[in-house]
């Protein structure tokens, strides 16, 4: 992927718009619970959040940040906001907190923000636990996350298991909504092709949504020519093949999540882990990501020697030369 460096590659659309839309909507939703509040975030939303919002945005009138499944500290805020996936076990966690407050006579406001949308099953659990009337619910329509100039992801880890193994169709709606969003921002699409039952259902629901909303993308110059929808069960083999390019080696060894990789203390030789973003903005990574790993080590070795040679030249430089060296050659 990430073929923007090819001479014949068309200029990709500005997927940064997706980040800005998601960030602005999140700020708006947090503002709907005015005043100081504690924010609980689902663990697998942390990495996507890192890609679109910095800590200052997450701290928007937020006193403390917690991970979901972490109990709030005594004397916590009078307002709790939960940014979560639509999962039954998460609803039970929230219900336990609300019911515990009821038992102790503690009065709070509770707001649940579902990402990318809420499901009926979640509302049923809240009702069964007797807390449905105590919480307000909203949706953060965070359907697509740009990982690179030409790569976007829905980041839905449950999709494969739920649909292909358990026959649960609830994620079809978010897929259709994602297509609708792309079409409104970068469409209209030229042609759409699909293989598989899931692709067919997603396409049909998307077309229904388009008819209901009278898409804003009509009449605009399209930035995306064709869309291909393919079910994973059409080709399981490709996903199970060994990765022999450099990016694949990094993924197999350290696991690339949300476009970044965490190097632990065993790699950094320190007490702290380091998170490194892997995309085409990194010139070295962009050059070697799709190369066979057997040819990469010689390239990196030569880069290291060149850098060392440039670094050794710093001796004897005056201040102006040192500034030029740091700003240009070491950049």
C-alpha atoms as a PDB file:
ATOM      1  CA  UNK A   1       0.000   0.000   0.000  1.00  0.00           C
ATOM      2  CA  UNK A   2       0.932   3.672   0.153  1.00  0.00           C
ATOM      3  CA  UNK A   3       1.761   4.003  -3.554  1.00  0.00           C
ATOM      4  CA  UNK A   4       1.721   7.804  -3.622  1.00  0.00           C
ATOM      5  CA  UNK A   5       5.458   7.746  -4.419  1.00  0.00           C
ATOM      6  CA  UNK A   6       4.881   6.156  -7.849  1.00  0.00           C
ATOM      7  CA  UNK A   7       5.100   8.569 -10.773  1.00  0.00           C
ATOM      8  CA  UNK A   8       1.908   7.259 -12.372  1.00  0.00           C
ATOM      9  CA  UNK A   9      -0.070   7.266  -9.112  1.00  0.00           C
ATOM     10  CA  UNK A  10      -2.946   9.781  -8.964  1.00  0.00           C
ATOM     11  CA  UNK A  11      -3.011  12.311  -6.159  1.00  0.00           C
ATOM     12  CA  UNK A  12      -4.966  10.757  -3.264  1.00  0.00           C
ATOM     13  CA  UNK A  13      -7.927  12.633  -1.745  1.00  0.00           C
ATOM     14  CA  UNK A  14      -7.347  14.728   1.353  1.00  0.00           C
ATOM     15  CA  UNK A  15      -8.313  12.155   3.969  1.00  0.00           C
ATOM     16  CA  UNK A  16      -7.275  14.614   6.669  1.00  0.00           C
ATOM     17  CA  UNK A  17     -10.840  15.928   6.424  1.00  0.00           C
ATOM     18  CA  UNK A  18     -12.000  12.709   8.104  1.00  0.00           C
ATOM     19  CA  UNK A  19      -9.753  13.418  11.091  1.00  0.00           C
ATOM     20  CA  UNK A  20     -10.969  16.975  11.436  1.00  0.00           C
ATOM     21  CA  UNK A  21     -14.621  15.968  11.232  1.00  0.00           C
ATOM     22  CA  UNK A  22     -14.162  13.269  13.885  1.00  0.00           C
ATOM     23  CA  UNK A  23     -12.228  15.607  16.174  1.00  0.00           C
ATOM     24  CA  UNK A  24     -14.752  18.445  15.889  1.00  0.00           C
ATOM     25  CA  UNK A  25     -17.676  16.123  16.548  1.00  0.00           C
ATOM     26  CA  UNK A  26     -15.967  14.658  19.615  1.00  0.00           C
ATOM     27  CA  UNK A  27     -15.382  18.134  21.069  1.00  0.00           C
ATOM     28  CA  UNK A  28     -19.022  18.997  20.381  1.00  0.00           C
ATOM     29  CA  UNK A  29     -20.241  15.854  22.161  1.00  0.00           C
ATOM     30  CA  UNK A  30     -18.042  16.532  25.194  1.00  0.00           C
ATOM     31  CA  UNK A  31     -19.421  20.064  25.356  1.00  0.00           C
ATOM     32  CA  UNK A  32     -22.942  18.651  25.561  1.00  0.00           C
ATOM     33  CA  UNK A  33     -22.067  17.691  29.142  1.00  0.00           C
ATOM     34  CA  UNK A  34     -20.997  21.158  30.352  1.00  0.00           C
ATOM     35  CA  UNK A  35     -18.727  21.599  33.328  1.00  0.00           C
ATOM     36  CA  UNK A  36     -16.015  19.412  34.841  1.00  0.00           C
ATOM     37  CA  UNK A  37     -16.322  15.687  34.218  1.00  0.00           C
ATOM     38  CA  UNK A  38     -14.382  12.434  34.356  1.00  0.00           C
ATOM     39  CA  UNK A  39     -13.917  10.675  31.022  1.00  0.00           C
ATOM     40  CA  UNK A  40     -13.796   6.883  30.704  1.00  0.00           C
ATOM     41  CA  UNK A  41     -12.335   5.606  27.414  1.00  0.00           C
ATOM     42  CA  UNK A  42     -12.526   2.074  26.016  1.00  0.00           C
ATOM     43  CA  UNK A  43      -9.024   0.589  25.685  1.00  0.00           C
ATOM     44  CA  UNK A  44      -9.166  -0.087  21.936  1.00  0.00           C
ATOM     45  CA  UNK A  45     -10.291   3.493  21.267  1.00  0.00           C
ATOM     46  CA  UNK A  46      -7.065   4.866  22.747  1.00  0.00           C
ATOM     47  CA  UNK A  47      -4.916   4.344  19.637  1.00  0.00           C
ATOM     48  CA  UNK A  48      -7.474   5.786  17.177  1.00  0.00           C
ATOM     49  CA  UNK A  49      -7.879   8.776  19.504  1.00  0.00           C
ATOM     50  CA  UNK A  50      -4.113   9.334  19.475  1.00  0.00           C
ATOM     51  CA  UNK A  51      -4.297   9.705  15.697  1.00  0.00           C
ATOM     52  CA  UNK A  52      -6.926  12.462  15.667  1.00  0.00           C
ATOM     53  CA  UNK A  53      -6.833  14.270  19.018  1.00  0.00           C
ATOM     54  CA  UNK A  54      -4.105  15.364  21.395  1.00  0.00           C
ATOM     55  CA  UNK A  55      -4.364  15.347  25.167  1.00  0.00           C
ATOM     56  CA  UNK A  56      -5.478  18.981  25.320  1.00  0.00           C
ATOM     57  CA  UNK A  57      -8.553  18.138  23.225  1.00  0.00           C
ATOM     58  CA  UNK A  58      -9.380  15.104  25.352  1.00  0.00           C
ATOM     59  CA  UNK A  59      -8.990  17.292  28.433  1.00  0.00           C
ATOM     60  CA  UNK A  60     -11.809  19.554  27.203  1.00  0.00           C
ATOM     61  CA  UNK A  61     -13.390  20.322  30.593  1.00  0.00           C
ATOM     62  CA  UNK A  62     -12.232  16.833  31.629  1.00  0.00           C
ATOM     63  CA  UNK A  63     -10.838  16.488  35.132  1.00  0.00           C
ATOM     64  CA  UNK A  64      -9.572  12.897  35.020  1.00  0.00           C
ATOM     65  CA  UNK A  65      -9.144  10.231  32.355  1.00  0.00           C
ATOM     66  CA  UNK A  66      -9.837   6.562  33.092  1.00  0.00           C
ATOM     67  CA  UNK A  67      -9.750   3.383  31.086  1.00  0.00           C
ATOM     68  CA  UNK A  68     -13.042   1.536  30.977  1.00  0.00           C
ATOM     69  CA  UNK A  69     -12.977  -1.249  33.581  1.00  0.00           C
ATOM     70  CA  UNK A  70     -11.038   1.008  35.953  1.00  0.00           C
ATOM     71  CA  UNK A  71     -13.097   1.979  38.965  1.00  0.00           C
ATOM     72  CA  UNK A  72     -13.320   5.746  39.623  1.00  0.00           C
ATOM     73  CA  UNK A  73     -11.392   7.106  42.586  1.00  0.00           C
ATOM     74  CA  UNK A  74     -13.313   8.178  45.702  1.00  0.00           C
ATOM     75  CA  UNK A  75     -14.422  11.786  45.544  1.00  0.00           C
ATOM     76  CA  UNK A  76     -14.468  11.766  41.745  1.00  0.00           C
ATOM     77  CA  UNK A  77     -16.389  14.249  39.609  1.00  0.00           C
ATOM     78  CA  UNK A  78     -20.156  14.688  39.733  1.00  0.00           C
ATOM     79  CA  UNK A  79     -20.309  13.966  36.000  1.00  0.00           C
ATOM     80  CA  UNK A  80     -19.140  10.818  34.223  1.00  0.00           C
ATOM     81  CA  UNK A  81     -18.741  10.559  30.454  1.00  0.00           C
ATOM     82  CA  UNK A  82     -18.084   7.168  28.832  1.00  0.00           C
ATOM     83  CA  UNK A  83     -16.535   6.958  25.344  1.00  0.00           C
ATOM     84  CA  UNK A  84     -17.079   3.325  24.406  1.00  0.00           C
ATOM     85  CA  UNK A  85     -17.678   0.673  21.787  1.00  0.00           C
ATOM     86  CA  UNK A  86     -21.242  -0.724  21.653  1.00  0.00           C
ATOM     87  CA  UNK A  87     -20.488  -3.826  23.748  1.00  0.00           C
ATOM     88  CA  UNK A  88     -22.698  -5.643  26.219  1.00  0.00           C
ATOM     89  CA  UNK A  89     -19.916  -6.158  28.779  1.00  0.00           C
ATOM     90  CA  UNK A  90     -19.146  -2.429  28.727  1.00  0.00           C
ATOM     91  CA  UNK A  91     -22.804  -1.634  29.392  1.00  0.00           C
ATOM     92  CA  UNK A  92     -22.706  -3.913  32.441  1.00  0.00           C
ATOM     93  CA  UNK A  93     -19.583  -2.101  33.683  1.00  0.00           C
ATOM     94  CA  UNK A  94     -21.353   1.265  33.368  1.00  0.00           C
ATOM     95  CA  UNK A  95     -24.512  -0.105  34.982  1.00  0.00           C
ATOM     96  CA  UNK A  96     -22.465  -1.362  37.958  1.00  0.00           C
ATOM     97  CA  UNK A  97     -21.062   2.148  38.511  1.00  0.00           C
ATOM     98  CA  UNK A  98     -24.497   3.782  38.287  1.00  0.00           C
ATOM     99  CA  UNK A  99     -26.112   1.242  40.608  1.00  0.00           C
ATOM    100  CA  UNK A 100     -23.247   1.527  43.104  1.00  0.00           C
ATOM    101  CA  UNK A 101     -23.781   5.294  43.205  1.00  0.00           C
ATOM    102  CA  UNK A 102     -27.497   4.753  43.764  1.00  0.00           C
ATOM    103  CA  UNK A 103     -26.805   2.410  46.658  1.00  0.00           C
ATOM    104  CA  UNK A 104     -24.477   4.934  48.297  1.00  0.00           C
ATOM    105  CA  UNK A 105     -26.826   7.858  47.667  1.00  0.00           C
ATOM    106  CA  UNK A 106     -24.351   9.592  45.336  1.00  0.00           C
ATOM    107  CA  UNK A 107     -25.965  11.787  42.667  1.00  0.00           C
ATOM    108  CA  UNK A 108     -24.183  12.179  39.332  1.00  0.00           C
ATOM    109  CA  UNK A 109     -24.870  12.814  35.656  1.00  0.00           C
ATOM    110  CA  UNK A 110     -23.907  10.045  33.233  1.00  0.00           C
ATOM    111  CA  UNK A 111     -23.381  10.337  29.487  1.00  0.00           C
ATOM    112  CA  UNK A 112     -22.499   7.453  27.162  1.00  0.00           C
ATOM    113  CA  UNK A 113     -20.926   8.234  23.774  1.00  0.00           C
ATOM    114  CA  UNK A 114     -20.994   5.203  21.502  1.00  0.00           C
ATOM    115  CA  UNK A 115     -18.458   4.841  18.692  1.00  0.00           C
ATOM    116  CA  UNK A 116     -19.253   4.497  15.871  1.00  0.00           C
ATOM    117  CA  UNK A 117     -22.924   4.030  16.843  1.00  0.00           C
ATOM    118  CA  UNK A 118     -25.148   2.505  19.514  1.00  0.00           C
ATOM    119  CA  UNK A 119     -26.927  -0.814  19.155  1.00  0.00           C
ATOM    120  CA  UNK A 120     -30.317  -1.880  20.449  1.00  0.00           C
ATOM    121  CA  UNK A 121     -28.692  -4.657  22.509  1.00  0.00           C
ATOM    122  CA  UNK A 122     -26.804  -2.033  24.531  1.00  0.00           C
ATOM    123  CA  UNK A 123     -29.984  -0.147  25.359  1.00  0.00           C
ATOM    124  CA  UNK A 124     -31.636  -3.417  26.400  1.00  0.00           C
ATOM    125  CA  UNK A 125     -28.822  -4.192  28.854  1.00  0.00           C
ATOM    126  CA  UNK A 126     -29.074  -0.722  30.390  1.00  0.00           C
ATOM    127  CA  UNK A 127     -32.821  -1.212  30.753  1.00  0.00           C
ATOM    128  CA  UNK A 128     -32.420  -4.684  32.291  1.00  0.00           C
ATOM    129  CA  UNK A 129     -29.937  -3.273  34.806  1.00  0.00           C
ATOM    130  CA  UNK A 130     -32.385  -0.520  35.746  1.00  0.00           C
ATOM    131  CA  UNK A 131     -30.207   2.420  34.698  1.00  0.00           C
ATOM    132  CA  UNK A 132     -31.566   3.343  31.254  1.00  0.00           C
ATOM    133  CA  UNK A 133     -33.354   6.391  32.654  1.00  0.00           C
ATOM    134  CA  UNK A 134     -30.244   7.532  34.522  1.00  0.00           C
ATOM    135  CA  UNK A 135     -27.966   7.916  31.488  1.00  0.00           C
ATOM    136  CA  UNK A 136     -28.040   9.964  28.304  1.00  0.00           C
ATOM    137  CA  UNK A 137     -26.745   8.363  25.117  1.00  0.00           C
ATOM    138  CA  UNK A 138     -25.128   9.818  22.025  1.00  0.00           C
ATOM    139  CA  UNK A 139     -23.149   8.599  19.024  1.00  0.00           C
ATOM    140  CA  UNK A 140     -19.690   9.585  17.808  1.00  0.00           C
ATOM    141  CA  UNK A 141     -19.820   8.874  14.072  1.00  0.00           C
ATOM    142  CA  UNK A 142     -16.138   7.947  13.872  1.00  0.00           C
ATOM    143  CA  UNK A 143     -16.408   5.554  10.934  1.00  0.00           C
ATOM    144  CA  UNK A 144     -13.058   5.978   9.167  1.00  0.00           C
ATOM    145  CA  UNK A 145      -9.527   6.618  10.413  1.00  0.00           C
ATOM    146  CA  UNK A 146      -6.799   7.694   7.944  1.00  0.00           C
ATOM    147  CA  UNK A 147      -3.652   5.650   8.581  1.00  0.00           C
ATOM    148  CA  UNK A 148      -1.666   7.017   5.637  1.00  0.00           C
ATOM    149  CA  UNK A 149      -2.086   9.203   2.572  1.00  0.00           C
ATOM    150  CA  UNK A 150      -3.962   6.435   0.761  1.00  0.00           C
ATOM    151  CA  UNK A 151      -5.039   4.065   3.542  1.00  0.00           C
ATOM    152  CA  UNK A 152      -8.143   4.434   5.702  1.00  0.00           C
ATOM    153  CA  UNK A 153      -9.511   1.919   8.177  1.00  0.00           C
ATOM    154  CA  UNK A 154     -12.734   1.404  10.105  1.00  0.00           C
ATOM    155  CA  UNK A 155     -10.770  -0.104  13.016  1.00  0.00           C
ATOM    156  CA  UNK A 156     -13.535  -2.530  13.993  1.00  0.00           C
ATOM    157  CA  UNK A 157     -11.767  -5.536  15.551  1.00  0.00           C
ATOM    158  CA  UNK A 158     -15.018  -7.458  16.155  1.00  0.00           C
ATOM    159  CA  UNK A 159     -16.310  -7.263  12.599  1.00  0.00           C
ATOM    160  CA  UNK A 160     -14.772 -10.486  11.281  1.00  0.00           C
ATOM    161  CA  UNK A 161     -15.745 -12.630  14.260  1.00  0.00           C
ATOM    162  CA  UNK A 162     -19.240 -11.199  14.608  1.00  0.00           C
ATOM    163  CA  UNK A 163     -20.218 -11.429  10.950  1.00  0.00           C
ATOM    164  CA  UNK A 164     -18.303 -14.373   9.495  1.00  0.00           C
ATOM    165  CA  UNK A 165     -18.246 -16.641  12.555  1.00  0.00           C
ATOM    166  CA  UNK A 166     -21.412 -15.710  14.466  1.00  0.00           C
ATOM    167  CA  UNK A 167     -23.603 -14.441  11.628  1.00  0.00           C
ATOM    168  CA  UNK A 168     -24.236 -11.113  13.385  1.00  0.00           C
ATOM    169  CA  UNK A 169     -25.184  -8.429  10.845  1.00  0.00           C
ATOM    170  CA  UNK A 170     -25.078  -5.407  13.161  1.00  0.00           C
ATOM    171  CA  UNK A 171     -21.853  -4.028  11.632  1.00  0.00           C
ATOM    172  CA  UNK A 172     -23.380  -3.763   8.153  1.00  0.00           C
ATOM    173  CA  UNK A 173     -24.879  -0.399   9.082  1.00  0.00           C
ATOM    174  CA  UNK A 174     -21.533   1.210  10.056  1.00  0.00           C
ATOM    175  CA  UNK A 175     -20.006  -0.030   6.768  1.00  0.00           C
ATOM    176  CA  UNK A 176     -22.870   1.512   4.798  1.00  0.00           C
ATOM    177  CA  UNK A 177     -22.539   4.746   6.798  1.00  0.00           C
ATOM    178  CA  UNK A 178     -18.801   4.823   6.038  1.00  0.00           C
ATOM    179  CA  UNK A 179     -19.543   4.486   2.315  1.00  0.00           C
ATOM    180  CA  UNK A 180     -22.101   7.266   2.614  1.00  0.00           C
ATOM    181  CA  UNK A 181     -19.528   9.509   4.307  1.00  0.00           C
ATOM    182  CA  UNK A 182     -16.904   8.833   1.625  1.00  0.00           C
ATOM    183  CA  UNK A 183     -19.416   9.447  -1.134  1.00  0.00           C
ATOM    184  CA  UNK A 184     -20.534  12.759   0.377  1.00  0.00           C
ATOM    185  CA  UNK A 185     -16.960  14.026   0.832  1.00  0.00           C
ATOM    186  CA  UNK A 186     -15.137  12.598  -2.194  1.00  0.00           C
ATOM    187  CA  UNK A 187     -17.837  11.289  -4.529  1.00  0.00           C
ATOM    188  CA  UNK A 188     -19.897  10.547  -6.360  1.00  0.00           C
ATOM    189  CA  UNK A 189     -18.232   7.176  -7.013  1.00  0.00           C
ATOM    190  CA  UNK A 190     -17.853   6.137 -10.644  1.00  0.00           C
ATOM    191  CA  UNK A 191     -18.723   2.471 -10.261  1.00  0.00           C
ATOM    192  CA  UNK A 192     -19.025   0.105  -7.324  1.00  0.00           C
ATOM    193  CA  UNK A 193     -18.110  -3.577  -7.573  1.00  0.00           C
ATOM    194  CA  UNK A 194     -18.709  -6.235  -4.943  1.00  0.00           C
ATOM    195  CA  UNK A 195     -17.965  -9.881  -4.201  1.00  0.00           C
ATOM    196  CA  UNK A 196     -19.788 -11.679  -1.398  1.00  0.00           C
ATOM    197  CA  UNK A 197     -22.978 -11.471   0.630  1.00  0.00           C
ATOM    198  CA  UNK A 198     -21.684  -8.917   3.121  1.00  0.00           C
ATOM    199  CA  UNK A 199     -20.572  -6.663   0.268  1.00  0.00           C
ATOM    200  CA  UNK A 200     -24.012  -6.933  -1.323  1.00  0.00           C
ATOM    201  CA  UNK A 201     -25.861  -6.073   1.894  1.00  0.00           C
ATOM    202  CA  UNK A 202     -23.524  -3.151   2.631  1.00  0.00           C
ATOM    203  CA  UNK A 203     -23.998  -1.790  -0.882  1.00  0.00           C
ATOM    204  CA  UNK A 204     -27.782  -2.098  -0.806  1.00  0.00           C
ATOM    205  CA  UNK A 205     -28.060  -0.404   2.598  1.00  0.00           C
ATOM    206  CA  UNK A 206     -25.730   2.368   1.438  1.00  0.00           C
ATOM    207  CA  UNK A 207     -27.893   2.985  -1.643  1.00  0.00           C
ATOM    208  CA  UNK A 208     -30.985   3.143   0.588  1.00  0.00           C
ATOM    209  CA  UNK A 209     -29.260   5.706   2.813  1.00  0.00           C
ATOM    210  CA  UNK A 210     -28.284   7.729  -0.255  1.00  0.00           C
ATOM    211  CA  UNK A 211     -31.875   7.834  -1.467  1.00  0.00           C
ATOM    212  CA  UNK A 212     -33.116   8.955   1.945  1.00  0.00           C
ATOM    213  CA  UNK A 213     -30.517  11.689   2.400  1.00  0.00           C
ATOM    214  CA  UNK A 214     -30.239  13.024  -1.171  1.00  0.00           C
ATOM    215  CA  UNK A 215     -26.439  12.818  -1.082  1.00  0.00           C
ATOM    216  CA  UNK A 216     -24.470  16.056  -1.050  1.00  0.00           C
ATOM    217  CA  UNK A 217     -21.763  14.495  -3.235  1.00  0.00           C
ATOM    218  CA  UNK A 218     -23.851  14.700  -6.408  1.00  0.00           C
ATOM    219  CA  UNK A 219     -22.639  17.273  -8.939  1.00  0.00           C
ATOM    220  CA  UNK A 220     -19.133  17.422  -7.446  1.00  0.00           C
ATOM    221  CA  UNK A 221     -15.996  16.333  -9.297  1.00  0.00           C
ATOM    222  CA  UNK A 222     -15.308  12.809  -7.994  1.00  0.00           C
ATOM    223  CA  UNK A 223     -12.021  12.189  -6.190  1.00  0.00           C
ATOM    224  CA  UNK A 224     -12.591   8.423  -5.908  1.00  0.00           C
ATOM    225  CA  UNK A 225     -13.170   6.639  -9.210  1.00  0.00           C
ATOM    226  CA  UNK A 226     -14.220   3.116  -8.284  1.00  0.00           C
ATOM    227  CA  UNK A 227     -15.084   1.220  -5.113  1.00  0.00           C
ATOM    228  CA  UNK A 228     -14.427  -2.506  -4.646  1.00  0.00           C
ATOM    229  CA  UNK A 229     -16.190  -4.332  -1.797  1.00  0.00           C
ATOM    230  CA  UNK A 230     -14.838  -7.827  -1.093  1.00  0.00           C
ATOM    231  CA  UNK A 231     -15.822 -10.243   1.639  1.00  0.00           C
ATOM    232  CA  UNK A 232     -12.916 -11.645   3.627  1.00  0.00           C
ATOM    233  CA  UNK A 233     -14.189 -15.220   3.200  1.00  0.00           C
ATOM    234  CA  UNK A 234     -13.661 -14.945  -0.563  1.00  0.00           C
ATOM    235  CA  UNK A 235      -9.921 -15.247   0.085  1.00  0.00           C
ATOM    236  CA  UNK A 236      -8.692 -16.435   3.465  1.00  0.00           C
ATOM    237  CA  UNK A 237      -5.347 -17.629   2.068  1.00  0.00           C
ATOM    238  CA  UNK A 238      -3.864 -14.202   1.336  1.00  0.00           C
ATOM    239  CA  UNK A 239      -4.370 -13.029   4.919  1.00  0.00           C
ATOM    240  CA  UNK A 240      -2.593 -16.143   6.227  1.00  0.00           C
ATOM    241  CA  UNK A 241       0.472 -15.958   3.959  1.00  0.00           C
ATOM    242  CA  UNK A 242       3.856 -15.079   5.447  1.00  0.00           C
ATOM    243  CA  UNK A 243       4.773 -11.433   5.003  1.00  0.00           C
ATOM    244  CA  UNK A 244       8.179 -11.050   3.347  1.00  0.00           C
ATOM    245  CA  UNK A 245       8.411  -7.268   3.012  1.00  0.00           C
ATOM    246  CA  UNK A 246       9.927  -5.032   5.682  1.00  0.00           C
ATOM    247  CA  UNK A 247       6.617  -3.638   6.926  1.00  0.00           C
ATOM    248  CA  UNK A 248       5.290  -7.187   7.228  1.00  0.00           C
ATOM    249  CA  UNK A 249       8.341  -8.235   9.247  1.00  0.00           C
ATOM    250  CA  UNK A 250       7.762  -5.352  11.662  1.00  0.00           C
ATOM    251  CA  UNK A 251       4.093  -6.340  11.929  1.00  0.00           C
ATOM    252  CA  UNK A 252       4.857 -10.017  12.576  1.00  0.00           C
ATOM    253  CA  UNK A 253       7.461  -9.144  15.218  1.00  0.00           C
ATOM    254  CA  UNK A 254       5.944  -6.165  17.041  1.00  0.00           C
ATOM    255  CA  UNK A 255       2.327  -5.945  15.739  1.00  0.00           C
ATOM    256  CA  UNK A 256       1.367  -2.736  13.949  1.00  0.00           C
ATOM    257  CA  UNK A 257      -1.777  -1.301  15.495  1.00  0.00           C
ATOM    258  CA  UNK A 258      -3.584   1.711  14.116  1.00  0.00           C
ATOM    259  CA  UNK A 259      -0.601   2.576  11.917  1.00  0.00           C
ATOM    260  CA  UNK A 260       1.941   2.637  14.743  1.00  0.00           C
ATOM    261  CA  UNK A 261       4.146   0.200  16.612  1.00  0.00           C
ATOM    262  CA  UNK A 262       5.149   0.082  20.288  1.00  0.00           C
ATOM    263  CA  UNK A 263       8.768  -0.806  21.024  1.00  0.00           C
ATOM    264  CA  UNK A 264       8.994  -2.122  24.572  1.00  0.00           C
ATOM    265  CA  UNK A 265      11.828  -1.858  27.107  1.00  0.00           C
ATOM    266  CA  UNK A 266      13.493  -4.956  25.635  1.00  0.00           C
ATOM    267  CA  UNK A 267      14.037  -2.987  22.407  1.00  0.00           C
ATOM    268  CA  UNK A 268      14.604   0.535  23.735  1.00  0.00           C
ATOM    269  CA  UNK A 269      16.992  -0.599  26.503  1.00  0.00           C
ATOM    270  CA  UNK A 270      15.200   1.705  28.924  1.00  0.00           C
ATOM    271  CA  UNK A 271      12.268   1.574  31.321  1.00  0.00           C
ATOM    272  CA  UNK A 272       9.933   3.247  28.835  1.00  0.00           C
ATOM    273  CA  UNK A 273       8.240   2.069  25.673  1.00  0.00           C
ATOM    274  CA  UNK A 274       8.384   4.150  22.502  1.00  0.00           C
ATOM    275  CA  UNK A 275       5.518   4.474  20.034  1.00  0.00           C
ATOM    276  CA  UNK A 276       6.604   5.033  16.427  1.00  0.00           C
ATOM    277  CA  UNK A 277       4.233   6.156  13.684  1.00  0.00           C
ATOM    278  CA  UNK A 278       4.707   4.213  10.449  1.00  0.00           C
ATOM    279  CA  UNK A 279       3.542   6.017   7.315  1.00  0.00           C
ATOM    280  CA  UNK A 280       4.764   7.588   4.087  1.00  0.00           C
ATOM    281  CA  UNK A 281       5.759  10.818   5.869  1.00  0.00           C
ATOM    282  CA  UNK A 282       8.771   8.908   7.200  1.00  0.00           C
ATOM    283  CA  UNK A 283      11.055   9.055   4.154  1.00  0.00           C
ATOM    284  CA  UNK A 284      13.217   6.088   5.136  1.00  0.00           C
ATOM    285  CA  UNK A 285      10.250   3.879   6.012  1.00  0.00           C
ATOM    286  CA  UNK A 286       8.497   4.942   2.800  1.00  0.00           C
ATOM    287  CA  UNK A 287      11.488   3.711   0.778  1.00  0.00           C
ATOM    288  CA  UNK A 288      11.763   0.298   2.408  1.00  0.00           C
ATOM    289  CA  UNK A 289       8.243  -0.633   3.561  1.00  0.00           C
ATOM    290  CA  UNK A 290       7.457  -2.672   0.428  1.00  0.00           C
ATOM    291  CA  UNK A 291      10.972  -4.066  -0.109  1.00  0.00           C
ATOM    292  CA  UNK A 292      11.873  -7.701   0.597  1.00  0.00           C
ATOM    293  CA  UNK A 293      13.378  -7.770   4.073  1.00  0.00           C
ATOM    294  CA  UNK A 294      16.568  -9.445   2.773  1.00  0.00           C
ATOM    295  CA  UNK A 295      17.463  -6.267   0.843  1.00  0.00           C
ATOM    296  CA  UNK A 296      16.520  -3.828   3.587  1.00  0.00           C
ATOM    297  CA  UNK A 297      19.321  -4.436   6.057  1.00  0.00           C
ATOM    298  CA  UNK A 298      22.041  -3.406   3.593  1.00  0.00           C
ATOM    299  CA  UNK A 299      20.107  -0.212   2.869  1.00  0.00           C
ATOM    300  CA  UNK A 300      19.730   0.614   6.572  1.00  0.00           C
ATOM    301  CA  UNK A 301      23.388  -0.190   7.209  1.00  0.00           C
ATOM    302  CA  UNK A 302      24.460   2.239   4.492  1.00  0.00           C
ATOM    303  CA  UNK A 303      22.115   4.898   5.896  1.00  0.00           C
ATOM    304  CA  UNK A 304      23.666   4.404   9.326  1.00  0.00           C
ATOM    305  CA  UNK A 305      27.201   4.780   7.956  1.00  0.00           C
ATOM    306  CA  UNK A 306      26.258   7.935   6.045  1.00  0.00           C
ATOM    307  CA  UNK A 307      24.665   9.419   9.155  1.00  0.00           C
ATOM    308  CA  UNK A 308      27.736   8.606  11.242  1.00  0.00           C
ATOM    309  CA  UNK A 309      30.010  10.189   8.638  1.00  0.00           C
ATOM    310  CA  UNK A 310      27.881  13.340   8.592  1.00  0.00           C
ATOM    311  CA  UNK A 311      27.837  13.408  12.380  1.00  0.00           C
ATOM    312  CA  UNK A 312      31.636  13.123  12.542  1.00  0.00           C
ATOM    313  CA  UNK A 313      31.930  16.202  10.338  1.00  0.00           C
ATOM    314  CA  UNK A 314      30.477  18.357  13.123  1.00  0.00           C
ATOM    315  CA  UNK A 315      33.925  18.642  14.713  1.00  0.00           C
ATOM    316  CA  UNK A 316      35.540  21.932  13.866  1.00  0.00           C
ATOM    317  CA  UNK A 317      32.282  23.589  12.788  1.00  0.00           C
ATOM    318  CA  UNK A 318      31.406  27.061  13.950  1.00  0.00           C
ATOM    319  CA  UNK A 319      27.922  27.872  15.288  1.00  0.00           C
ATOM    320  CA  UNK A 320      26.478  28.869  11.896  1.00  0.00           C
ATOM    321  CA  UNK A 321      27.787  25.716  10.213  1.00  0.00           C
ATOM    322  CA  UNK A 322      26.439  23.612  13.078  1.00  0.00           C
ATOM    323  CA  UNK A 323      22.966  25.157  12.679  1.00  0.00           C
ATOM    324  CA  UNK A 324      23.004  24.464   8.941  1.00  0.00           C
ATOM    325  CA  UNK A 325      24.172  20.907   9.576  1.00  0.00           C
ATOM    326  CA  UNK A 326      21.394  20.177  12.083  1.00  0.00           C
ATOM    327  CA  UNK A 327      18.604  21.858  10.097  1.00  0.00           C
ATOM    328  CA  UNK A 328      19.512  20.467   6.675  1.00  0.00           C
ATOM    329  CA  UNK A 329      21.693  17.365   6.680  1.00  0.00           C
ATOM    330  CA  UNK A 330      20.371  15.730   9.858  1.00  0.00           C
ATOM    331  CA  UNK A 331      16.749  16.552   9.057  1.00  0.00           C
END
